[in-house]
Amino acid sequence: MSRVFSYLVSPNYQVACFILSIDPKKAFRKEDYGRYMAAIKKYMKREEIKWTWLYIAGQKPKPSIRRAVEGTTDRSTGVALVDLETREVFGSDSYLGRQAARYVRLPKG
């Protein structure tokens, strides 16, 4: 019964999830982040995607990247920055961003 209800009531949105692994040996700058976000927006428009999530995982991301992620307010894109070394997760300033950060699960180690 719940599947029928969900099918009839829930919107049929197209969504996407992108995962980006940052190589610690290469610089990942705020400009790179902007290019990825622009490419995602272009893809969303072309494919008629309503919501998308971007997970960025790396070690010791620059503070400028963290500020850029936390300053992202686009309501249709949630961004989570995962520092694999400190195990901290930072989300963008939107509902999707807060939810993306909330659902990150890192193994204990």
Foldseek 3Di string as FASTA:
>chain_A
DVVVVCVVPPDPFAEEEEEAEDDPVDADDPVNVVVVVVVVVVVCVVVVGQAYEYEYEYAPHDVRNLCSQQADADQRYKYWYAHPVVRDIGIHPYPNRVVVSVPDDDDDD
